[in-house]
């Protein structure tokens, strides 16, 4: 499937991935057996639900078309289809990485996102 999917990651974890040349996932990804991604329509809720109040995060945009058959859209919250990657994320698939700061209201401030 083509389009863009998004990953929220702590800056330190992402810097480790950059040094290694690939992203193996966060602890929650290891526990679940796949790397969790969100679509543009899902990523704000993901931030609010799983990263509330956390600072020093990065938002990573990934070209879903580069991930091949290892990327699967599977039911999650309330039956919504979320993108899951059953392989390491190759850094060549990354389109951009941007800071995801907290605003004065405690919510994360997102850059403009592209829909799938």
PDB file of N, CA and C in Angstrom:
ATOM      1  N   UNK A   1       0.848  -1.181   0.000  1.00  0.00           N
ATOM      2  CA  UNK A   1       0.000   0.000   0.000  1.00  0.00           C
ATOM      3  C   UNK A   1       0.890   1.241   0.000  1.00  0.00           C
ATOM      4  N   UNK A   2       0.526   2.207  -0.785  1.00  0.00           N
ATOM      5  CA  UNK A   2       1.316   3.438  -0.823  1.00  0.00           C
ATOM      6  C   UNK A   2       0.740   4.439   0.164  1.00  0.00           C
ATOM      7  N   UNK A   3       1.382   5.573   0.273  1.00  0.00           N
ATOM      8  CA  UNK A   3       0.953   6.604   1.193  1.00  0.00           C
ATOM      9  C   UNK A   3       1.996   6.828   2.267  1.00  0.00           C
ATOM     10  N   UNK A   4       1.599   7.573   3.275  1.00  0.00           N
ATOM     11  CA  UNK A   4       2.502   7.908   4.369  1.00  0.00           C
ATOM     12  C   UNK A   4       1.915   7.398   5.675  1.00  0.00           C
ATOM     13  N   UNK A   5       2.773   6.785   6.489  1.00  0.00           N
ATOM     14  CA  UNK A   5       2.410   6.391   7.845  1.00  0.00           C
ATOM     15  C   UNK A   5       3.364   7.106   8.787  1.00  0.00           C
ATOM     16  N   UNK A   6       2.971   7.195  10.056  1.00  0.00           N
ATOM     17  CA  UNK A   6       3.716   7.994  11.026  1.00  0.00           C
ATOM     18  C   UNK A   6       4.060   7.159  12.254  1.00  0.00           C
ATOM     19  N   UNK A   7       5.241   7.470  12.806  1.00  0.00           N
ATOM     20  CA  UNK A   7       5.705   6.848  14.043  1.00  0.00           C
ATOM     21  C   UNK A   7       6.100   7.957  14.997  1.00  0.00           C
ATOM     22  N   UNK A   8       5.672   7.853  16.241  1.00  0.00           N
ATOM     23  CA  UNK A   8       6.115   8.753  17.305  1.00  0.00           C
ATOM     24  C   UNK A   8       7.157   7.989  18.102  1.00  0.00           C
ATOM     25  N   UNK A   9       8.311   8.625  18.310  1.00  0.00           N
ATOM     26  CA  UNK A   9       9.382   7.946  19.043  1.00  0.00           C
ATOM     27  C   UNK A   9      10.139   8.942  19.916  1.00  0.00           C
ATOM     28  N   UNK A  10      10.611   8.483  21.064  1.00  0.00           N
ATOM     29  CA  UNK A  10      11.488   9.332  21.866  1.00  0.00           C
ATOM     30  C   UNK A  10      12.760   9.652  21.074  1.00  0.00           C
ATOM     31  N   UNK A  11      13.235  10.871  21.214  1.00  0.00           N
ATOM     32  CA  UNK A  11      14.415  11.316  20.465  1.00  0.00           C
ATOM     33  C   UNK A  11      15.605  10.369  20.659  1.00  0.00           C
ATOM     34  N   UNK A  12      15.893   9.963  21.894  1.00  0.00           N
ATOM     35  CA  UNK A  12      17.049   9.110  22.160  1.00  0.00           C
ATOM     36  C   UNK A  12      16.938   7.771  21.435  1.00  0.00           C
ATOM     37  N   UNK A  13      15.746   7.194  21.432  1.00  0.00           N
ATOM     38  CA  UNK A  13      15.538   5.911  20.754  1.00  0.00           C
ATOM     39  C   UNK A  13      15.736   6.060  19.250  1.00  0.00           C
ATOM     40  N   UNK A  14      15.251   7.162  18.692  1.00  0.00           N
ATOM     41  CA  UNK A  14      15.405   7.385  17.253  1.00  0.00           C
ATOM     42  C   UNK A  14      16.860   7.628  16.892  1.00  0.00           C
ATOM     43  N   UNK A  15      17.594   8.343  17.740  1.00  0.00           N
ATOM     44  CA  UNK A  15      19.017   8.589  17.466  1.00  0.00           C
ATOM     45  C   UNK A  15      19.782   7.268  17.455  1.00  0.00           C
ATOM     46  N   UNK A  16      19.405   6.325  18.318  1.00  0.00           N
ATOM     47  CA  UNK A  16      20.013   4.984  18.299  1.00  0.00           C
ATOM     48  C   UNK A  16      19.733   4.294  16.963  1.00  0.00           C
ATOM     49  N   UNK A  17      18.520   4.428  16.476  1.00  0.00           N
ATOM     50  CA  UNK A  17      18.154   3.821  15.191  1.00  0.00           C
ATOM     51  C   UNK A  17      18.967   4.433  14.053  1.00  0.00           C
ATOM     52  N   UNK A  18      19.140   5.741  14.090  1.00  0.00           N
ATOM     53  CA  UNK A  18      19.933   6.400  13.041  1.00  0.00           C
ATOM     54  C   UNK A  18      21.372   5.884  13.054  1.00  0.00           C
ATOM     55  N   UNK A  19      21.921   5.689  14.234  1.00  0.00           N
ATOM     56  CA  UNK A  19      23.292   5.180  14.341  1.00  0.00           C
ATOM     57  C   UNK A  19      23.380   3.736  13.828  1.00  0.00           C
ATOM     58  N   UNK A  20      22.330   2.954  14.072  1.00  0.00           N
ATOM     59  CA  UNK A  20      22.319   1.543  13.660  1.00  0.00           C
ATOM     60  C   UNK A  20      21.925   1.356  12.193  1.00  0.00           C
ATOM     61  N   UNK A  21      21.280   2.375  11.616  1.00  0.00           N
ATOM     62  CA  UNK A  21      20.858   2.272  10.221  1.00  0.00           C
ATOM     63  C   UNK A  21      19.494   1.645  10.018  1.00  0.00           C
ATOM     64  N   UNK A  22      18.809   1.315  11.110  1.00  0.00           N
ATOM     65  CA  UNK A  22      17.441   0.792  11.027  1.00  0.00           C
ATOM     66  C   UNK A  22      16.789   0.904  12.397  1.00  0.00           C
ATOM     67  N   UNK A  23      15.464   0.941  12.378  1.00  0.00           N
ATOM     68  CA  UNK A  23      14.682   1.085  13.605  1.00  0.00           C
ATOM     69  C   UNK A  23      14.022  -0.254  13.916  1.00  0.00           C
ATOM     70  N   UNK A  24      14.355  -0.791  15.090  1.00  0.00           N
ATOM     71  CA  UNK A  24      13.808  -2.090  15.488  1.00  0.00           C
ATOM     72  C   UNK A  24      12.543  -1.966  16.316  1.00  0.00           C
ATOM     73  N   UNK A  25      12.185  -0.732  16.699  1.00  0.00           N
ATOM     74  CA  UNK A  25      10.959  -0.520  17.454  1.00  0.00           C
ATOM     75  C   UNK A  25      11.216  -0.097  18.887  1.00  0.00           C
ATOM     76  N   UNK A  26      10.153   0.373  19.499  1.00  0.00           N
ATOM     77  CA  UNK A  26      10.154   0.765  20.907  1.00  0.00           C
ATOM     78  C   UNK A  26       9.790  -0.468  21.747  1.00  0.00           C
ATOM     79  N   UNK A  27       9.927  -0.385  23.063  1.00  0.00           N
ATOM     80  CA  UNK A  27       9.567  -1.541  23.902  1.00  0.00           C
ATOM     81  C   UNK A  27       8.156  -2.085  23.633  1.00  0.00           C
ATOM     82  N   UNK A  28       7.178  -1.210  23.420  1.00  0.00           N
ATOM     83  CA  UNK A  28       5.819  -1.686  23.143  1.00  0.00           C
ATOM     84  C   UNK A  28       5.763  -2.458  21.821  1.00  0.00           C
ATOM     85  N   UNK A  29       6.569  -2.039  20.849  1.00  0.00           N
ATOM     86  CA  UNK A  29       6.614  -2.750  19.573  1.00  0.00           C
ATOM     87  C   UNK A  29       7.198  -4.147  19.760  1.00  0.00           C
ATOM     88  N   UNK A  30       8.269  -4.241  20.545  1.00  0.00           N
ATOM     89  CA  UNK A  30       8.889  -5.551  20.806  1.00  0.00           C
ATOM     90  C   UNK A  30       7.889  -6.472  21.494  1.00  0.00           C
ATOM     91  N   UNK A  31       7.155  -5.926  22.452  1.00  0.00           N
ATOM     92  CA  UNK A  31       6.178  -6.736  23.197  1.00  0.00           C
ATOM     93  C   UNK A  31       5.066  -7.249  22.291  1.00  0.00           C
ATOM     94  N   UNK A  32       4.657  -6.428  21.313  1.00  0.00           N
ATOM     95  CA  UNK A  32       3.540  -6.807  20.443  1.00  0.00           C
ATOM     96  C   UNK A  32       3.973  -7.570  19.192  1.00  0.00           C
ATOM     97  N   UNK A  33       5.272  -7.555  18.880  1.00  0.00           N
ATOM     98  CA  UNK A  33       5.767  -8.315  17.739  1.00  0.00           C
ATOM     99  C   UNK A  33       5.703  -7.578  16.413  1.00  0.00           C
ATOM    100  N   UNK A  34       5.446  -6.284  16.455  1.00  0.00           N
ATOM    101  CA  UNK A  34       5.425  -5.463  15.239  1.00  0.00           C
ATOM    102  C   UNK A  34       5.634  -4.009  15.636  1.00  0.00           C
ATOM    103  N   UNK A  35       6.009  -3.180  14.649  1.00  0.00           N
ATOM    104  CA  UNK A  35       6.177  -1.753  14.904  1.00  0.00           C
ATOM    105  C   UNK A  35       4.853  -1.055  14.639  1.00  0.00           C
ATOM    106  N   UNK A  36       4.369  -0.354  15.638  1.00  0.00           N
ATOM    107  CA  UNK A  36       3.109   0.383  15.549  1.00  0.00           C
ATOM    108  C   UNK A  36       3.295   1.673  14.748  1.00  0.00           C
ATOM    109  N   UNK A  37       2.442   1.892  13.783  1.00  0.00           N
ATOM    110  CA  UNK A  37       2.389   3.158  13.059  1.00  0.00           C
ATOM    111  C   UNK A  37       0.966   3.694  13.156  1.00  0.00           C
ATOM    112  N   UNK A  38       0.788   4.931  12.716  1.00  0.00           N
ATOM    113  CA  UNK A  38      -0.528   5.553  12.629  1.00  0.00           C
ATOM    114  C   UNK A  38      -0.645   6.240  11.281  1.00  0.00           C
ATOM    115  N   UNK A  39      -1.869   6.381  10.828  1.00  0.00           N
ATOM    116  CA  UNK A  39      -2.127   7.205   9.653  1.00  0.00           C
ATOM    117  C   UNK A  39      -2.217   8.659  10.105  1.00  0.00           C
ATOM    118  N   UNK A  40      -2.291   9.572   9.146  1.00  0.00           N
ATOM    119  CA  UNK A  40      -2.426  10.991   9.490  1.00  0.00           C
ATOM    120  C   UNK A  40      -3.684  11.234  10.320  1.00  0.00           C
ATOM    121  N   UNK A  41      -4.737  10.516  10.036  1.00  0.00           N
ATOM    122  CA  UNK A  41      -5.978  10.678  10.768  1.00  0.00           C
ATOM    123  C   UNK A  41      -5.971  10.061  12.162  1.00  0.00           C
ATOM    124  N   UNK A  42      -4.974   9.242  12.454  1.00  0.00           N
ATOM    125  CA  UNK A  42      -4.907   8.536  13.737  1.00  0.00           C
ATOM    126  C   UNK A  42      -3.826   9.055  14.671  1.00  0.00           C
ATOM    127  N   UNK A  43      -2.811   9.730  14.130  1.00  0.00           N
ATOM    128  CA  UNK A  43      -1.602   9.996  14.912  1.00  0.00           C
ATOM    129  C   UNK A  43      -1.829  10.974  16.069  1.00  0.00           C
ATOM    130  N   UNK A  44      -2.743  11.905  15.939  1.00  0.00           N
ATOM    131  CA  UNK A  44      -3.006  12.822  17.060  1.00  0.00           C
ATOM    132  C   UNK A  44      -3.614  12.070  18.245  1.00  0.00           C
ATOM    133  N   UNK A  45      -4.532  11.157  17.961  1.00  0.00           N
ATOM    134  CA  UNK A  45      -5.111  10.353  19.040  1.00  0.00           C
ATOM    135  C   UNK A  45      -4.052   9.444  19.661  1.00  0.00           C
ATOM    136  N   UNK A  46      -3.178   8.894  18.823  1.00  0.00           N
ATOM    137  CA  UNK A  46      -2.086   8.062  19.335  1.00  0.00           C
ATOM    138  C   UNK A  46      -1.222   8.862  20.298  1.00  0.00           C
ATOM    139  N   UNK A  47      -0.880  10.092  19.928  1.00  0.00           N
ATOM    140  CA  UNK A  47      -0.066  10.946  20.794  1.00  0.00           C
ATOM    141  C   UNK A  47      -0.777  11.213  22.117  1.00  0.00           C
ATOM    142  N   UNK A  48      -2.056  11.555  22.042  1.00  0.00           N
ATOM    143  CA  UNK A  48      -2.825  11.874  23.249  1.00  0.00           C
ATOM    144  C   UNK A  48      -2.988  10.651  24.153  1.00  0.00           C
ATOM    145  N   UNK A  49      -3.165   9.497  23.557  1.00  0.00           N
ATOM    146  CA  UNK A  49      -3.444   8.286  24.322  1.00  0.00           C
ATOM    147  C   UNK A  49      -2.182   7.646  24.896  1.00  0.00           C
ATOM    148  N   UNK A  50      -1.122   7.615  24.118  1.00  0.00           N
ATOM    149  CA  UNK A  50       0.068   6.848  24.509  1.00  0.00           C
ATOM    150  C   UNK A  50       1.291   7.695  24.868  1.00  0.00           C
ATOM    151  N   UNK A  51       1.249   8.996  24.551  1.00  0.00           N
ATOM    152  CA  UNK A  51       2.408   9.854  24.794  1.00  0.00           C
ATOM    153  C   UNK A  51       2.025  11.138  25.528  1.00  0.00           C
ATOM    154  N   UNK A  52       0.900  11.140  26.209  1.00  0.00           N
ATOM    155  CA  UNK A  52       0.408  12.344  26.893  1.00  0.00           C
ATOM    156  C   UNK A  52       1.461  12.899  27.841  1.00  0.00           C
ATOM    157  N   UNK A  53       1.730  14.196  27.705  1.00  0.00           N
ATOM    158  CA  UNK A  53       2.650  14.878  28.596  1.00  0.00           C
ATOM    159  C   UNK A  53       4.122  14.605  28.340  1.00  0.00           C
ATOM    160  N   UNK A  54       4.440  13.751  27.381  1.00  0.00           N
ATOM    161  CA  UNK A  54       5.847  13.416  27.122  1.00  0.00           C
ATOM    162  C   UNK A  54       6.485  14.448  26.204  1.00  0.00           C
ATOM    163  N   UNK A  55       7.664  14.853  26.590  1.00  0.00           N
ATOM    164  CA  UNK A  55       8.436  15.812  25.819  1.00  0.00           C
ATOM    165  C   UNK A  55       9.572  15.075  25.115  1.00  0.00           C
ATOM    166  N   UNK A  56      10.299  15.773  24.271  1.00  0.00           N
ATOM    167  CA  UNK A  56      11.465  15.243  23.563  1.00  0.00           C
ATOM    168  C   UNK A  56      11.096  14.062  22.660  1.00  0.00           C
ATOM    169  N   UNK A  57       9.942  14.207  22.008  1.00  0.00           N
ATOM    170  CA  UNK A  57       9.499  13.199  21.046  1.00  0.00           C
ATOM    171  C   UNK A  57       9.749  13.674  19.623  1.00  0.00           C
ATOM    172  N   UNK A  58       9.826  12.714  18.719  1.00  0.00           N
ATOM    173  CA  UNK A  58       9.942  13.002  17.299  1.00  0.00           C
ATOM    174  C   UNK A  58       8.783  12.375  16.558  1.00  0.00           C
ATOM    175  N   UNK A  59       8.370  13.022  15.491  1.00  0.00           N
ATOM    176  CA  UNK A  59       7.374  12.469  14.585  1.00  0.00           C
ATOM    177  C   UNK A  59       8.113  12.082  13.309  1.00  0.00           C
ATOM    178  N   UNK A  60       7.974  10.823  12.923  1.00  0.00           N
ATOM    179  CA  UNK A  60       8.680  10.292  11.764  1.00  0.00           C
ATOM    180  C   UNK A  60       7.651   9.952  10.696  1.00  0.00           C
ATOM    181  N   UNK A  61       7.845  10.492   9.500  1.00  0.00           N
ATOM    182  CA  UNK A  61       6.970  10.192   8.358  1.00  0.00           C
ATOM    183  C   UNK A  61       7.661   9.134   7.507  1.00  0.00           C
ATOM    184  N   UNK A  62       6.922   8.090   7.166  1.00  0.00           N
ATOM    185  CA  UNK A  62       7.476   6.946   6.449  1.00  0.00           C
ATOM    186  C   UNK A  62       6.690   6.703   5.173  1.00  0.00           C
ATOM    187  N   UNK A  63       7.412   6.443   4.099  1.00  0.00           N
ATOM    188  CA  UNK A  63       6.799   6.083   2.821  1.00  0.00           C
ATOM    189  C   UNK A  63       6.338   4.638   2.909  1.00  0.00           C
ATOM    190  N   UNK A  64       5.034   4.447   3.064  1.00  0.00           N
ATOM    191  CA  UNK A  64       4.480   3.097   3.232  1.00  0.00           C
ATOM    192  C   UNK A  64       4.775   2.209   2.029  1.00  0.00           C
ATOM    193  N   UNK A  65       4.882   2.799   0.848  1.00  0.00           N
ATOM    194  CA  UNK A  65       5.149   2.019  -0.352  1.00  0.00           C
ATOM    195  C   UNK A  65       6.499   1.333  -0.331  1.00  0.00           C
ATOM    196  N   UNK A  66       7.424   1.813   0.488  1.00  0.00           N
ATOM    197  CA  UNK A  66       8.763   1.213   0.586  1.00  0.00           C
ATOM    198  C   UNK A  66       8.798  -0.002   1.511  1.00  0.00           C
ATOM    199  N   UNK A  67       7.710  -0.263   2.214  1.00  0.00           N
ATOM    200  CA  UNK A  67       7.720  -1.300   3.253  1.00  0.00           C
ATOM    201  C   UNK A  67       7.228  -2.656   2.764  1.00  0.00           C
ATOM    202  N   UNK A  68       6.638  -2.693   1.587  1.00  0.00           N
ATOM    203  CA  UNK A  68       6.221  -3.969   0.994  1.00  0.00           C
ATOM    204  C   UNK A  68       5.192  -4.712   1.817  1.00  0.00           C
ATOM    205  N   UNK A  69       5.244  -6.031   1.689  1.00  0.00           N
ATOM    206  CA  UNK A  69       4.226  -6.887   2.320  1.00  0.00           C
ATOM    207  C   UNK A  69       4.398  -7.000   3.828  1.00  0.00           C
ATOM    208  N   UNK A  70       5.491  -6.477   4.385  1.00  0.00           N
ATOM    209  CA  UNK A  70       5.679  -6.512   5.839  1.00  0.00           C
ATOM    210  C   UNK A  70       4.761  -5.523   6.550  1.00  0.00           C
ATOM    211  N   UNK A  71       4.190  -4.565   5.789  1.00  0.00           N
ATOM    212  CA  UNK A  71       3.254  -3.599   6.361  1.00  0.00           C
ATOM    213  C   UNK A  71       1.833  -4.128   6.200  1.00  0.00           C
ATOM    214  N   UNK A  72       1.154  -4.279   7.320  1.00  0.00           N
ATOM    215  CA  UNK A  72      -0.215  -4.794   7.315  1.00  0.00           C
ATOM    216  C   UNK A  72      -1.125  -3.817   8.043  1.00  0.00           C
ATOM    217  N   UNK A  73      -2.319  -3.641   7.516  1.00  0.00           N
ATOM    218  CA  UNK A  73      -3.332  -2.809   8.175  1.00  0.00           C
ATOM    219  C   UNK A  73      -4.266  -3.756   8.918  1.00  0.00           C
ATOM    220  N   UNK A  74      -4.275  -3.620  10.243  1.00  0.00           N
ATOM    221  CA  UNK A  74      -5.007  -4.563  11.083  1.00  0.00           C
ATOM    222  C   UNK A  74      -5.925  -3.828  12.050  1.00  0.00           C
ATOM    223  N   UNK A  75      -7.041  -4.475  12.420  1.00  0.00           N
ATOM    224  CA  UNK A  75      -7.975  -3.834  13.340  1.00  0.00           C
ATOM    225  C   UNK A  75      -7.340  -3.589  14.703  1.00  0.00           C
ATOM    226  N   UNK A  76      -7.635  -2.435  15.246  1.00  0.00           N
ATOM    227  CA  UNK A  76      -7.170  -2.084  16.580  1.00  0.00           C
ATOM    228  C   UNK A  76      -8.317  -1.398  17.290  1.00  0.00           C
ATOM    229  N   UNK A  77      -8.029  -0.220  17.903  1.00  0.00           N
ATOM    230  CA  UNK A  77      -9.049   0.506  18.654  1.00  0.00           C
ATOM    231  C   UNK A  77     -10.388   0.586  17.927  1.00  0.00           C
ATOM    232  N   UNK A  78     -11.402   0.041  18.497  1.00  0.00           N
ATOM    233  CA  UNK A  78     -12.742   0.168  17.945  1.00  0.00           C
ATOM    234  C   UNK A  78     -12.880  -0.345  16.522  1.00  0.00           C
ATOM    235  N   UNK A  79     -11.976  -1.228  16.100  1.00  0.00           N
ATOM    236  CA  UNK A  79     -12.062  -1.792  14.762  1.00  0.00           C
ATOM    237  C   UNK A  79     -11.359  -0.984  13.691  1.00  0.00           C
ATOM    238  N   UNK A  80     -10.788   0.171  14.038  1.00  0.00           N
ATOM    239  CA  UNK A  80     -10.056   0.966  13.048  1.00  0.00           C
ATOM    240  C   UNK A  80      -8.831   0.188  12.581  1.00  0.00           C
ATOM    241  N   UNK A  81      -8.490   0.338  11.310  1.00  0.00           N
ATOM    242  CA  UNK A  81      -7.318  -0.337  10.758  1.00  0.00           C
ATOM    243  C   UNK A  81      -6.075   0.512  10.989  1.00  0.00           C
ATOM    244  N   UNK A  82      -5.118  -0.050  11.696  1.00  0.00           N
ATOM    245  CA  UNK A  82      -3.854   0.629  11.972  1.00  0.00           C
ATOM    246  C   UNK A  82      -2.735  -0.077  11.230  1.00  0.00           C
ATOM    247  N   UNK A  83      -1.755   0.687  10.740  1.00  0.00           N
ATOM    248  CA  UNK A  83      -0.612   0.079  10.061  1.00  0.00           C
ATOM    249  C   UNK A  83       0.384  -0.509  11.062  1.00  0.00           C
ATOM    250  N   UNK A  84       0.769  -1.755  10.813  1.00  0.00           N
ATOM    251  CA  UNK A  84       1.741  -2.461  11.649  1.00  0.00           C
ATOM    252  C   UNK A  84       2.830  -3.015  10.742  1.00  0.00           C
ATOM    253  N   UNK A  85       4.085  -2.850  11.127  1.00  0.00           N
ATOM    254  CA  UNK A  85       5.205  -3.344  10.332  1.00  0.00           C
ATOM    255  C   UNK A  85       5.816  -4.555  11.015  1.00  0.00           C
ATOM    256  N   UNK A  86       5.825  -5.666  10.293  1.00  0.00           N
ATOM    257  CA  UNK A  86       6.372  -6.923  10.802  1.00  0.00           C
ATOM    258  C   UNK A  86       7.802  -7.119  10.296  1.00  0.00           C
ATOM    259  N   UNK A  87       8.631  -6.125  10.486  1.00  0.00           N
ATOM    260  CA  UNK A  87      10.034  -6.159  10.080  1.00  0.00           C
ATOM    261  C   UNK A  87      10.693  -4.913  10.656  1.00  0.00           C
ATOM    262  N   UNK A  88      12.025  -4.868  10.685  1.00  0.00           N
ATOM    263  CA  UNK A  88      12.684  -3.617  11.054  1.00  0.00           C
ATOM    264  C   UNK A  88      12.334  -2.534  10.041  1.00  0.00           C
ATOM    265  N   UNK A  89      12.317  -1.299  10.494  1.00  0.00           N
ATOM    266  CA  UNK A  89      12.052  -0.169   9.608  1.00  0.00           C
ATOM    267  C   UNK A  89      13.368   0.276   8.975  1.00  0.00           C
ATOM    268  N   UNK A  90      13.491   0.145   7.652  1.00  0.00           N
ATOM    269  CA  UNK A  90      14.705   0.646   7.004  1.00  0.00           C
ATOM    270  C   UNK A  90      14.666   2.173   6.941  1.00  0.00           C
ATOM    271  N   UNK A  91      15.757   2.813   7.294  1.00  0.00           N
ATOM    272  CA  UNK A  91      15.763   4.274   7.341  1.00  0.00           C
ATOM    273  C   UNK A  91      15.595   4.892   5.953  1.00  0.00           C
ATOM    274  N   UNK A  92      15.833   4.122   4.908  1.00  0.00           N
ATOM    275  CA  UNK A  92      15.620   4.617   3.550  1.00  0.00           C
ATOM    276  C   UNK A  92      14.151   4.938   3.283  1.00  0.00           C
ATOM    277  N   UNK A  93      13.242   4.360   4.071  1.00  0.00           N
ATOM    278  CA  UNK A  93      11.807   4.592   3.896  1.00  0.00           C
ATOM    279  C   UNK A  93      11.344   5.874   4.584  1.00  0.00           C
ATOM    280  N   UNK A  94      12.206   6.483   5.388  1.00  0.00           N
ATOM    281  CA  UNK A  94      11.840   7.678   6.154  1.00  0.00           C
ATOM    282  C   UNK A  94      11.863   8.901   5.242  1.00  0.00           C
ATOM    283  N   UNK A  95      10.755   9.623   5.215  1.00  0.00           N
ATOM    284  CA  UNK A  95      10.637  10.843   4.416  1.00  0.00           C
ATOM    285  C   UNK A  95      11.147  12.060   5.169  1.00  0.00           C
ATOM    286  N   UNK A  96      10.802  12.155   6.450  1.00  0.00           N
ATOM    287  CA  UNK A  96      11.276  13.241   7.289  1.00  0.00           C
ATOM    288  C   UNK A  96      11.084  12.898   8.762  1.00  0.00           C
ATOM    289  N   UNK A  97      11.830  13.629   9.596  1.00  0.00           N
ATOM    290  CA  UNK A  97      11.758  13.510  11.051  1.00  0.00           C
ATOM    291  C   UNK A  97      11.654  14.930  11.591  1.00  0.00           C
ATOM    292  N   UNK A  98      10.632  15.165  12.426  1.00  0.00           N
ATOM    293  CA  UNK A  98      10.428  16.506  12.980  1.00  0.00           C
ATOM    294  C   UNK A  98      10.141  16.415  14.475  1.00  0.00           C
ATOM    295  N   UNK A  99      10.496  17.460  15.214  1.00  0.00           N
ATOM    296  CA  UNK A  99      10.177  17.482  16.647  1.00  0.00           C
ATOM    297  C   UNK A  99       8.660  17.483  16.858  1.00  0.00           C
ATOM    298  N   UNK A 100       8.243  16.917  17.983  1.00  0.00           N
ATOM    299  CA  UNK A 100       6.826  16.891  18.353  1.00  0.00           C
ATOM    300  C   UNK A 100       6.707  17.514  19.749  1.00  0.00           C
ATOM    301  N   UNK A 101       6.802  18.844  19.800  1.00  0.00           N
ATOM    302  CA  UNK A 101       6.818  19.521  21.104  1.00  0.00           C
ATOM    303  C   UNK A 101       5.437  19.566  21.754  1.00  0.00           C
ATOM    304  N   UNK A 102       5.473  19.841  23.047  1.00  0.00           N
ATOM    305  CA  UNK A 102       4.234  20.059  23.799  1.00  0.00           C
ATOM    306  C   UNK A 102       3.868  21.533  23.749  1.00  0.00           C
ATOM    307  N   UNK A 103       2.597  21.815  23.557  1.00  0.00           N
ATOM    308  CA  UNK A 103       2.106  23.183  23.614  1.00  0.00           C
ATOM    309  C   UNK A 103       1.804  23.583  25.045  1.00  0.00           C
ATOM    310  N   UNK A 104       1.438  24.831  25.226  1.00  0.00           N
ATOM    311  CA  UNK A 104       1.106  25.339  26.553  1.00  0.00           C
ATOM    312  C   UNK A 104      -0.067  24.598  27.184  1.00  0.00           C
ATOM    313  N   UNK A 105      -0.933  24.043  26.343  1.00  0.00           N
ATOM    314  CA  UNK A 105      -2.095  23.302  26.841  1.00  0.00           C
ATOM    315  C   UNK A 105      -1.774  21.842  27.154  1.00  0.00           C
ATOM    316  N   UNK A 106      -0.516  21.419  26.941  1.00  0.00           N
ATOM    317  CA  UNK A 106      -0.114  20.049  27.228  1.00  0.00           C
ATOM    318  C   UNK A 106      -0.307  19.091  26.067  1.00  0.00           C
ATOM    319  N   UNK A 107      -0.917  19.561  24.979  1.00  0.00           N
ATOM    320  CA  UNK A 107      -1.098  18.717  23.786  1.00  0.00           C
ATOM    321  C   UNK A 107       0.099  18.898  22.863  1.00  0.00           C
ATOM    322  N   UNK A 108       0.407  17.869  22.112  1.00  0.00           N
ATOM    323  CA  UNK A 108       1.519  17.947  21.172  1.00  0.00           C
ATOM    324  C   UNK A 108       1.157  18.840  19.982  1.00  0.00           C
ATOM    325  N   UNK A 109       2.161  19.550  19.487  1.00  0.00           N
ATOM    326  CA  UNK A 109       1.987  20.432  18.333  1.00  0.00           C
ATOM    327  C   UNK A 109       2.515  19.706  17.104  1.00  0.00           C
ATOM    328  N   UNK A 110       1.624  19.408  16.181  1.00  0.00           N
ATOM    329  CA  UNK A 110       1.968  18.633  14.988  1.00  0.00           C
ATOM    330  C   UNK A 110       2.296  19.539  13.808  1.00  0.00           C
ATOM    331  N   UNK A 111       3.253  19.117  12.992  1.00  0.00           N
ATOM    332  CA  UNK A 111       3.469  19.806  11.713  1.00  0.00           C
ATOM    333  C   UNK A 111       2.329  19.419  10.769  1.00  0.00           C
ATOM    334  N   UNK A 112       2.228  20.066   9.617  1.00  0.00           N
ATOM    335  CA  UNK A 112       1.225  19.630   8.636  1.00  0.00           C
ATOM    336  C   UNK A 112       1.475  18.172   8.246  1.00  0.00           C
ATOM    337  N   UNK A 113       0.399  17.409   8.139  1.00  0.00           N
ATOM    338  CA  UNK A 113       0.504  15.988   7.803  1.00  0.00           C
ATOM    339  C   UNK A 113      -0.146  15.732   6.461  1.00  0.00           C
ATOM    340  N   UNK A 114       0.402  14.749   5.755  1.00  0.00           N
ATOM    341  CA  UNK A 114      -0.181  14.331   4.494  1.00  0.00           C
ATOM    342  C   UNK A 114      -1.015  13.084   4.725  1.00  0.00           C
ATOM    343  N   UNK A 115      -2.195  13.084   4.167  1.00  0.00           N
ATOM    344  CA  UNK A 115      -3.057  11.913   4.260  1.00  0.00           C
ATOM    345  C   UNK A 115      -2.536  10.825   3.331  1.00  0.00           C
ATOM    346  N   UNK A 116      -3.014   9.640   3.549  1.00  0.00           N
ATOM    347  CA  UNK A 116      -2.636   8.521   2.676  1.00  0.00           C
ATOM    348  C   UNK A 116      -3.262   8.691   1.330  1.00  0.00           C
TER     349      UNK A 116
END
